[in-house]
Amino acid sequence: MFKTIDKVEGITWYYPKSKPRYVDQTCVYVYLGHKQDGSTWGRVVVKYSADDWLFVKNAIASVNRIKLPLTPKGAEWKRDNGSGSVWEWSDEPLNSDNRFALQELATSDEAIIRFEGSQYHSDHTLTKKEKEGITEAFHALRALELGADH
C-alpha cells in the first residue's frame, strides 16, 4: 500500500497500489484512515466509468453467482465527467455488510460488480490486482488495529 499524510487533519491515508491513477476507470478498492490516537477506519470506493451516464443507484457483488450488497440502499453517488468520459462513484464506510462482500469478492473465482442504474445496468469483473488490493487493505487494517503502523 502507499500512504499520504493530511497534516491539517492529522490523518494518514493508506491506499492499495491497485488504486487507479486516473478517475475515469471502473474499479473497487478499500482505503484506510489512521490517526495518531490509534483510531483506524476503512472506506470502500465503488466507481463506474464509461462514455455515457448510467445514473447508478446501487452496486451489488456477484460472487460465484451469489448476490451480496456492496453499497447500502440510499448510498450517496457522486457524478462527474471530462474528456468524453463519465464517472459515478460511491465512497462509503467499511461495515460488516460490505466487508463480507469484499472478502468474498477477493477470494472468489468469479467476482462481478453490477452497477444498477435508473434504467440499465453494467457489470464489471474484478481484476486480479483489484482482488489483491482488497486483501492487502484488510491485512493493513488488521496491522493498524494491532498498533503496527507501517
N, C-alpha and C. Protein backbone atom coordinates (compact mmCIF):
# COMPACT_ATOMS: atom_id res chain seq x y z
N MET A 1 0.85 -1.17 0.00
CA MET A 1 0.00 0.00 0.00
C MET A 1 0.90 1.23 0.00
N PHE A 2 0.31 2.35 -0.40
CA PHE A 2 1.06 3.60 -0.29
C PHE A 2 0.27 4.52 0.61
N LYS A 3 0.95 5.49 1.19
CA LYS A 3 0.28 6.37 2.13
C LYS A 3 0.46 7.83 1.75
N THR A 4 -0.52 8.62 2.17
CA THR A 4 -0.44 10.08 2.08
C THR A 4 -0.79 10.61 3.46
N ILE A 5 -0.26 11.77 3.78
CA ILE A 5 -0.49 12.35 5.10
C ILE A 5 -1.22 13.67 4.97
N ASP A 6 -2.33 13.77 5.66
CA ASP A 6 -3.09 15.01 5.75
C ASP A 6 -2.65 15.69 7.04
N LYS A 7 -1.74 16.65 6.93
CA LYS A 7 -1.18 17.31 8.10
C LYS A 7 -2.21 18.20 8.81
N VAL A 8 -3.18 18.70 8.07
CA VAL A 8 -4.19 19.57 8.68
C VAL A 8 -5.11 18.76 9.59
N GLU A 9 -5.58 17.61 9.10
CA GLU A 9 -6.50 16.78 9.88
C GLU A 9 -5.78 15.77 10.76
N GLY A 10 -4.49 15.58 10.53
CA GLY A 10 -3.73 14.60 11.31
C GLY A 10 -4.12 13.17 10.97
N ILE A 11 -4.38 12.92 9.70
CA ILE A 11 -4.78 11.59 9.25
C ILE A 11 -3.76 11.06 8.25
N THR A 12 -3.36 9.81 8.45
CA THR A 12 -2.57 9.11 7.45
C THR A 12 -3.53 8.23 6.68
N TRP A 13 -3.54 8.39 5.36
CA TRP A 13 -4.41 7.60 4.48
C TRP A 13 -3.58 6.54 3.81
N TYR A 14 -4.10 5.31 3.78
CA TYR A 14 -3.43 4.18 3.13
C TYR A 14 -4.29 3.71 1.97
N TYR A 15 -3.67 3.61 0.80
CA TYR A 15 -4.37 3.19 -0.43
C TYR A 15 -3.68 1.97 -1.02
N PRO A 16 -4.45 1.07 -1.63
CA PRO A 16 -3.81 -0.07 -2.30
C PRO A 16 -3.07 0.40 -3.55
N LYS A 17 -2.01 -0.29 -3.87
CA LYS A 17 -1.26 0.06 -5.09
C LYS A 17 -2.11 -0.11 -6.34
N SER A 18 -3.18 -0.90 -6.22
CA SER A 18 -4.05 -1.13 -7.38
C SER A 18 -5.03 0.02 -7.61
N LYS A 19 -5.07 1.01 -6.71
CA LYS A 19 -5.96 2.15 -6.91
C LYS A 19 -5.61 2.82 -8.24
N PRO A 20 -6.61 3.00 -9.10
CA PRO A 20 -6.32 3.61 -10.39
C PRO A 20 -5.73 5.01 -10.25
N ARG A 21 -4.83 5.32 -11.13
CA ARG A 21 -4.19 6.62 -11.14
C ARG A 21 -5.14 7.71 -11.63
N TYR A 22 -6.05 7.34 -12.53
CA TYR A 22 -6.96 8.31 -13.12
C TYR A 22 -8.39 8.03 -12.68
N VAL A 23 -9.23 9.06 -12.68
CA VAL A 23 -10.60 8.94 -12.16
C VAL A 23 -11.54 8.22 -13.11
N ASP A 24 -11.17 8.10 -14.38
CA ASP A 24 -12.10 7.53 -15.35
C ASP A 24 -11.89 6.04 -15.57
N GLN A 25 -11.72 5.29 -14.48
CA GLN A 25 -11.56 3.84 -14.56
C GLN A 25 -12.54 3.17 -13.61
N THR A 26 -13.29 2.19 -14.11
CA THR A 26 -14.19 1.42 -13.27
C THR A 26 -13.35 0.57 -12.32
N CYS A 27 -13.72 0.60 -11.04
CA CYS A 27 -12.91 -0.13 -10.06
C CYS A 27 -13.64 -0.26 -8.72
N VAL A 28 -13.06 -1.08 -7.87
CA VAL A 28 -13.47 -1.22 -6.48
C VAL A 28 -12.19 -1.29 -5.66
N TYR A 29 -12.12 -0.50 -4.58
CA TYR A 29 -10.96 -0.61 -3.69
C TYR A 29 -11.34 -0.16 -2.28
N VAL A 30 -10.52 -0.60 -1.34
CA VAL A 30 -10.67 -0.24 0.06
C VAL A 30 -9.47 0.61 0.44
N TYR A 31 -9.72 1.71 1.14
CA TYR A 31 -8.61 2.51 1.67
C TYR A 31 -8.85 2.76 3.14
N LEU A 32 -7.78 3.16 3.85
CA LEU A 32 -7.81 3.24 5.30
C LEU A 32 -7.39 4.61 5.80
N GLY A 33 -7.97 5.01 6.91
CA GLY A 33 -7.57 6.22 7.62
C GLY A 33 -7.05 5.84 8.98
N HIS A 34 -6.01 6.55 9.45
CA HIS A 34 -5.41 6.25 10.75
C HIS A 34 -4.96 7.56 11.40
N LYS A 35 -5.36 7.75 12.66
CA LYS A 35 -4.94 8.93 13.42
C LYS A 35 -3.93 8.53 14.49
N GLN A 36 -3.18 9.51 14.95
CA GLN A 36 -2.17 9.28 15.98
C GLN A 36 -2.76 8.69 17.26
N ASP A 37 -4.02 8.99 17.55
CA ASP A 37 -4.66 8.47 18.77
C ASP A 37 -4.97 6.98 18.66
N GLY A 38 -4.66 6.39 17.50
CA GLY A 38 -4.87 4.96 17.31
C GLY A 38 -6.15 4.61 16.59
N SER A 39 -7.03 5.59 16.38
CA SER A 39 -8.28 5.27 15.67
C SER A 39 -7.97 4.96 14.20
N THR A 40 -8.61 3.91 13.73
CA THR A 40 -8.40 3.42 12.37
C THR A 40 -9.75 3.05 11.79
N TRP A 41 -9.94 3.34 10.52
CA TRP A 41 -11.20 3.02 9.86
C TRP A 41 -10.94 2.75 8.39
N GLY A 42 -11.89 2.05 7.79
CA GLY A 42 -11.80 1.73 6.38
C GLY A 42 -12.93 2.38 5.60
N ARG A 43 -12.70 2.60 4.32
CA ARG A 43 -13.71 3.12 3.41
C ARG A 43 -13.65 2.31 2.12
N VAL A 44 -14.77 2.26 1.43
CA VAL A 44 -14.88 1.48 0.19
C VAL A 44 -15.29 2.41 -0.94
N VAL A 45 -14.51 2.39 -2.01
CA VAL A 45 -14.85 3.15 -3.21
C VAL A 45 -15.30 2.16 -4.28
N VAL A 46 -16.46 2.44 -4.84
CA VAL A 46 -17.01 1.65 -5.94
C VAL A 46 -17.25 2.66 -7.06
N LYS A 47 -16.55 2.49 -8.19
CA LYS A 47 -16.60 3.51 -9.24
C LYS A 47 -16.92 2.90 -10.60
N TYR A 48 -17.89 3.52 -11.26
CA TYR A 48 -18.29 3.16 -12.63
C TYR A 48 -17.79 4.26 -13.56
N SER A 49 -17.24 3.86 -14.70
CA SER A 49 -16.81 4.83 -15.70
C SER A 49 -17.12 4.28 -17.08
N ALA A 50 -17.56 5.18 -17.95
CA ALA A 50 -17.89 4.79 -19.33
C ALA A 50 -17.99 6.06 -20.16
N ASP A 51 -18.57 5.93 -21.35
CA ASP A 51 -18.75 7.12 -22.18
C ASP A 51 -20.17 7.66 -22.10
N ASP A 52 -21.03 7.03 -21.29
CA ASP A 52 -22.40 7.51 -21.13
C ASP A 52 -22.85 7.27 -19.70
N TRP A 53 -23.75 8.11 -19.22
CA TRP A 53 -24.26 8.04 -17.86
C TRP A 53 -25.08 6.77 -17.63
N LEU A 54 -24.94 6.21 -16.45
CA LEU A 54 -25.77 5.09 -16.02
C LEU A 54 -26.73 5.56 -14.92
N PHE A 55 -26.36 6.63 -14.22
CA PHE A 55 -27.09 7.14 -13.06
C PHE A 55 -27.26 6.02 -12.04
N VAL A 56 -26.09 5.55 -11.56
CA VAL A 56 -26.02 4.43 -10.63
C VAL A 56 -26.79 4.75 -9.35
N LYS A 57 -27.56 3.77 -8.91
CA LYS A 57 -28.30 3.87 -7.65
C LYS A 57 -27.79 2.86 -6.63
N ASN A 58 -27.15 1.80 -7.13
CA ASN A 58 -26.77 0.71 -6.25
C ASN A 58 -25.69 -0.13 -6.92
N ALA A 59 -24.86 -0.78 -6.11
CA ALA A 59 -23.88 -1.73 -6.62
C ALA A 59 -23.99 -3.01 -5.79
N ILE A 60 -24.04 -4.13 -6.50
CA ILE A 60 -24.08 -5.42 -5.81
C ILE A 60 -22.94 -6.28 -6.30
N ALA A 61 -22.49 -7.17 -5.42
CA ALA A 61 -21.43 -8.09 -5.75
C ALA A 61 -22.05 -9.43 -6.13
N SER A 62 -21.55 -10.00 -7.18
CA SER A 62 -21.94 -11.36 -7.55
C SER A 62 -20.71 -12.22 -7.36
N VAL A 63 -20.79 -13.09 -6.36
CA VAL A 63 -19.65 -13.93 -6.01
C VAL A 63 -20.04 -15.38 -6.28
N ASN A 64 -19.44 -15.93 -7.31
CA ASN A 64 -19.78 -17.30 -7.71
C ASN A 64 -21.30 -17.47 -7.81
N ARG A 65 -21.94 -16.47 -8.41
CA ARG A 65 -23.38 -16.42 -8.70
C ARG A 65 -24.26 -16.18 -7.47
N ILE A 66 -23.68 -15.77 -6.37
CA ILE A 66 -24.45 -15.39 -5.18
C ILE A 66 -24.38 -13.88 -5.08
N LYS A 67 -25.54 -13.21 -4.93
CA LYS A 67 -25.57 -11.75 -4.87
C LYS A 67 -25.43 -11.27 -3.42
N LEU A 68 -24.55 -10.28 -3.23
CA LEU A 68 -24.31 -9.68 -1.92
C LEU A 68 -24.34 -8.17 -2.06
N PRO A 69 -24.88 -7.44 -1.07
CA PRO A 69 -24.89 -5.97 -1.16
C PRO A 69 -23.47 -5.43 -1.03
N LEU A 70 -23.14 -4.47 -1.88
CA LEU A 70 -21.83 -3.82 -1.79
C LEU A 70 -21.98 -2.38 -1.32
N THR A 71 -23.00 -1.71 -1.81
CA THR A 71 -23.31 -0.36 -1.31
C THR A 71 -24.67 -0.41 -0.64
N PRO A 72 -24.85 0.35 0.44
CA PRO A 72 -26.15 0.33 1.12
C PRO A 72 -27.21 1.03 0.29
N LYS A 73 -28.46 0.61 0.47
CA LYS A 73 -29.56 1.32 -0.20
C LYS A 73 -29.50 2.77 0.23
N GLY A 74 -29.69 3.67 -0.71
CA GLY A 74 -29.65 5.09 -0.40
C GLY A 74 -28.24 5.66 -0.31
N ALA A 75 -27.23 4.89 -0.73
CA ALA A 75 -25.86 5.40 -0.72
C ALA A 75 -25.77 6.64 -1.59
N GLU A 76 -24.90 7.55 -1.21
CA GLU A 76 -24.71 8.77 -1.98
C GLU A 76 -23.78 8.49 -3.15
N TRP A 77 -24.28 8.69 -4.37
CA TRP A 77 -23.48 8.51 -5.58
C TRP A 77 -23.14 9.88 -6.13
N LYS A 78 -21.86 10.09 -6.38
CA LYS A 78 -21.40 11.36 -6.95
C LYS A 78 -21.12 11.13 -8.43
N ARG A 79 -21.18 12.21 -9.19
CA ARG A 79 -21.00 12.10 -10.64
C ARG A 79 -20.12 13.24 -11.16
N ASP A 80 -19.34 12.91 -12.19
CA ASP A 80 -18.52 13.94 -12.84
C ASP A 80 -18.22 13.45 -14.25
N ASN A 81 -17.63 14.32 -15.06
CA ASN A 81 -17.29 13.94 -16.43
C ASN A 81 -16.15 14.80 -16.93
N GLY A 82 -15.55 14.33 -18.00
CA GLY A 82 -14.46 15.08 -18.63
C GLY A 82 -13.82 14.26 -19.73
N SER A 83 -13.32 14.92 -20.75
CA SER A 83 -12.61 14.28 -21.86
C SER A 83 -13.39 13.13 -22.47
N GLY A 84 -14.70 13.28 -22.59
CA GLY A 84 -15.52 12.27 -23.23
C GLY A 84 -15.92 11.10 -22.35
N SER A 85 -15.53 11.12 -21.08
CA SER A 85 -15.88 10.04 -20.15
C SER A 85 -16.75 10.57 -19.03
N VAL A 86 -17.55 9.68 -18.45
CA VAL A 86 -18.32 10.00 -17.26
C VAL A 86 -17.89 9.02 -16.17
N TRP A 87 -17.97 9.45 -14.93
CA TRP A 87 -17.71 8.53 -13.84
C TRP A 87 -18.67 8.83 -12.70
N GLU A 88 -19.10 7.74 -12.07
CA GLU A 88 -20.04 7.79 -10.96
C GLU A 88 -19.46 6.93 -9.85
N TRP A 89 -19.45 7.44 -8.63
CA TRP A 89 -18.81 6.68 -7.57
C TRP A 89 -19.50 6.86 -6.22
N SER A 90 -19.28 5.87 -5.40
CA SER A 90 -19.74 5.86 -4.02
C SER A 90 -18.50 5.66 -3.15
N ASP A 91 -18.40 6.40 -2.06
CA ASP A 91 -17.29 6.30 -1.11
C ASP A 91 -17.94 6.14 0.26
N GLU A 92 -18.08 4.90 0.71
CA GLU A 92 -18.84 4.58 1.92
C GLU A 92 -17.94 3.98 3.00
N PRO A 93 -18.35 4.11 4.26
CA PRO A 93 -17.59 3.47 5.34
C PRO A 93 -17.59 1.95 5.18
N LEU A 94 -16.48 1.34 5.55
CA LEU A 94 -16.40 -0.11 5.60
C LEU A 94 -17.25 -0.57 6.78
N ASN A 95 -18.16 -1.51 6.53
CA ASN A 95 -19.01 -2.03 7.60
C ASN A 95 -19.11 -3.54 7.45
N SER A 96 -19.84 -4.18 8.34
CA SER A 96 -19.89 -5.65 8.33
C SER A 96 -20.49 -6.19 7.03
N ASP A 97 -21.48 -5.48 6.46
CA ASP A 97 -22.10 -5.97 5.22
C ASP A 97 -21.15 -5.91 4.03
N ASN A 98 -20.59 -4.71 3.77
CA ASN A 98 -19.72 -4.62 2.60
C ASN A 98 -18.38 -5.32 2.83
N ARG A 99 -17.96 -5.41 4.08
CA ARG A 99 -16.71 -6.12 4.38
C ARG A 99 -16.83 -7.59 3.98
N PHE A 100 -17.97 -8.20 4.34
CA PHE A 100 -18.19 -9.60 3.97
C PHE A 100 -18.19 -9.75 2.45
N ALA A 101 -18.91 -8.88 1.76
CA ALA A 101 -18.98 -8.95 0.30
C ALA A 101 -17.58 -8.79 -0.30
N LEU A 102 -16.80 -7.86 0.20
CA LEU A 102 -15.46 -7.62 -0.33
C LEU A 102 -14.53 -8.80 -0.08
N GLN A 103 -14.62 -9.39 1.12
CA GLN A 103 -13.78 -10.56 1.40
C GLN A 103 -14.14 -11.71 0.46
N GLU A 104 -15.42 -11.87 0.21
CA GLU A 104 -15.85 -12.92 -0.72
C GLU A 104 -15.37 -12.61 -2.15
N LEU A 105 -15.47 -11.35 -2.56
CA LEU A 105 -15.00 -10.96 -3.90
C LEU A 105 -13.51 -11.25 -4.06
N ALA A 106 -12.74 -10.91 -3.03
CA ALA A 106 -11.28 -11.04 -3.10
C ALA A 106 -10.82 -12.48 -3.23
N THR A 107 -11.63 -13.42 -2.76
CA THR A 107 -11.20 -14.82 -2.77
C THR A 107 -11.99 -15.70 -3.75
N SER A 108 -12.89 -15.09 -4.51
CA SER A 108 -13.74 -15.88 -5.39
C SER A 108 -13.10 -16.13 -6.75
N ASP A 109 -13.59 -17.16 -7.40
CA ASP A 109 -13.16 -17.45 -8.77
C ASP A 109 -13.78 -16.44 -9.73
N GLU A 110 -15.06 -16.15 -9.52
CA GLU A 110 -15.79 -15.24 -10.39
C GLU A 110 -16.33 -14.08 -9.55
N ALA A 111 -15.76 -12.91 -9.72
CA ALA A 111 -16.11 -11.74 -8.92
C ALA A 111 -16.61 -10.62 -9.83
N ILE A 112 -17.90 -10.33 -9.75
CA ILE A 112 -18.52 -9.34 -10.63
C ILE A 112 -19.23 -8.29 -9.79
N ILE A 113 -19.09 -7.04 -10.18
CA ILE A 113 -19.84 -5.94 -9.58
C ILE A 113 -20.89 -5.52 -10.59
N ARG A 114 -22.13 -5.46 -10.16
CA ARG A 114 -23.20 -4.95 -11.02
C ARG A 114 -23.56 -3.55 -10.55
N PHE A 115 -23.41 -2.59 -11.45
CA PHE A 115 -23.84 -1.22 -11.21
C PHE A 115 -25.27 -1.10 -11.72
N GLU A 116 -26.21 -0.88 -10.81
CA GLU A 116 -27.62 -0.77 -11.18
C GLU A 116 -27.97 0.69 -11.34
N GLY A 117 -28.36 1.07 -12.56
CA GLY A 117 -28.71 2.44 -12.85
C GLY A 117 -30.20 2.67 -12.87
N SER A 118 -30.59 3.86 -13.27
CA SER A 118 -32.00 4.22 -13.34
C SER A 118 -32.78 3.30 -14.27
N GLN A 119 -32.21 3.01 -15.45
CA GLN A 119 -32.89 2.14 -16.41
C GLN A 119 -32.07 0.92 -16.81
N TYR A 120 -30.76 1.03 -16.71
CA TYR A 120 -29.89 -0.01 -17.21
C TYR A 120 -28.90 -0.43 -16.12
N HIS A 121 -28.11 -1.44 -16.43
CA HIS A 121 -27.05 -1.85 -15.52
C HIS A 121 -25.78 -2.13 -16.33
N SER A 122 -24.68 -2.19 -15.61
CA SER A 122 -23.39 -2.51 -16.23
C SER A 122 -22.62 -3.40 -15.26
N ASP A 123 -21.94 -4.40 -15.79
CA ASP A 123 -21.17 -5.32 -14.96
C ASP A 123 -19.68 -5.08 -15.13
N HIS A 124 -18.96 -5.27 -14.05
CA HIS A 124 -17.50 -5.13 -14.03
C HIS A 124 -16.93 -6.37 -13.34
N THR A 125 -16.06 -7.09 -14.03
CA THR A 125 -15.38 -8.23 -13.43
C THR A 125 -14.09 -7.74 -12.78
N LEU A 126 -13.94 -8.04 -11.49
CA LEU A 126 -12.75 -7.60 -10.78
C LEU A 126 -11.50 -8.23 -11.36
N THR A 127 -10.46 -7.43 -11.44
CA THR A 127 -9.17 -7.92 -11.91
C THR A 127 -8.43 -8.58 -10.75
N LYS A 128 -7.40 -9.31 -11.09
CA LYS A 128 -6.55 -9.92 -10.07
C LYS A 128 -5.96 -8.83 -9.17
N LYS A 129 -5.55 -7.70 -9.77
CA LYS A 129 -4.97 -6.60 -8.99
C LYS A 129 -5.99 -6.02 -8.01
N GLU A 130 -7.25 -5.88 -8.44
CA GLU A 130 -8.27 -5.37 -7.54
C GLU A 130 -8.47 -6.31 -6.35
N LYS A 131 -8.52 -7.61 -6.64
CA LYS A 131 -8.68 -8.60 -5.57
C LYS A 131 -7.50 -8.54 -4.60
N GLU A 132 -6.30 -8.44 -5.14
CA GLU A 132 -5.11 -8.35 -4.29
C GLU A 132 -5.13 -7.08 -3.45
N GLY A 133 -5.60 -5.98 -4.04
CA GLY A 133 -5.69 -4.71 -3.31
C GLY A 133 -6.65 -4.79 -2.13
N ILE A 134 -7.77 -5.47 -2.32
CA ILE A 134 -8.74 -5.64 -1.24
C ILE A 134 -8.11 -6.46 -0.11
N THR A 135 -7.47 -7.55 -0.47
CA THR A 135 -6.81 -8.40 0.53
C THR A 135 -5.72 -7.62 1.26
N GLU A 136 -4.94 -6.87 0.51
CA GLU A 136 -3.87 -6.04 1.07
C GLU A 136 -4.44 -5.03 2.08
N ALA A 137 -5.55 -4.41 1.74
CA ALA A 137 -6.16 -3.43 2.63
C ALA A 137 -6.63 -4.07 3.93
N PHE A 138 -7.21 -5.27 3.85
CA PHE A 138 -7.66 -5.94 5.06
C PHE A 138 -6.49 -6.34 5.95
N HIS A 139 -5.38 -6.76 5.34
CA HIS A 139 -4.18 -7.07 6.13
C HIS A 139 -3.64 -5.81 6.81
N ALA A 140 -3.62 -4.71 6.08
CA ALA A 140 -3.13 -3.45 6.64
C ALA A 140 -4.05 -2.95 7.76
N LEU A 141 -5.35 -3.10 7.56
CA LEU A 141 -6.31 -2.69 8.60
C LEU A 141 -6.05 -3.47 9.88
N ARG A 142 -5.87 -4.75 9.75
CA ARG A 142 -5.59 -5.59 10.93
C ARG A 142 -4.30 -5.14 11.61
N ALA A 143 -3.25 -4.88 10.84
CA ALA A 143 -1.98 -4.44 11.40
C ALA A 143 -2.13 -3.10 12.13
N LEU A 144 -2.88 -2.16 11.52
CA LEU A 144 -3.08 -0.86 12.16
C LEU A 144 -3.90 -0.99 13.44
N GLU A 145 -4.89 -1.85 13.41
CA GLU A 145 -5.71 -2.07 14.61
C GLU A 145 -4.89 -2.68 15.74
N LEU A 146 -3.88 -3.45 15.37
CA LEU A 146 -3.00 -4.05 16.38
C LEU A 146 -1.87 -3.11 16.81
N GLY A 147 -1.79 -1.95 16.13
CA GLY A 147 -0.79 -0.95 16.51
C GLY A 147 0.50 -1.00 15.76
N ALA A 148 0.57 -1.75 14.70
CA ALA A 148 1.80 -1.86 13.91
C ALA A 148 1.73 -0.88 12.75
N ASP A 149 1.97 0.40 13.02
CA ASP A 149 1.89 1.45 11.99
C ASP A 149 3.07 1.34 11.04
N HIS A 150 2.76 0.94 9.79
CA HIS A 150 3.82 0.84 8.77
C HIS A 150 3.29 1.18 7.45
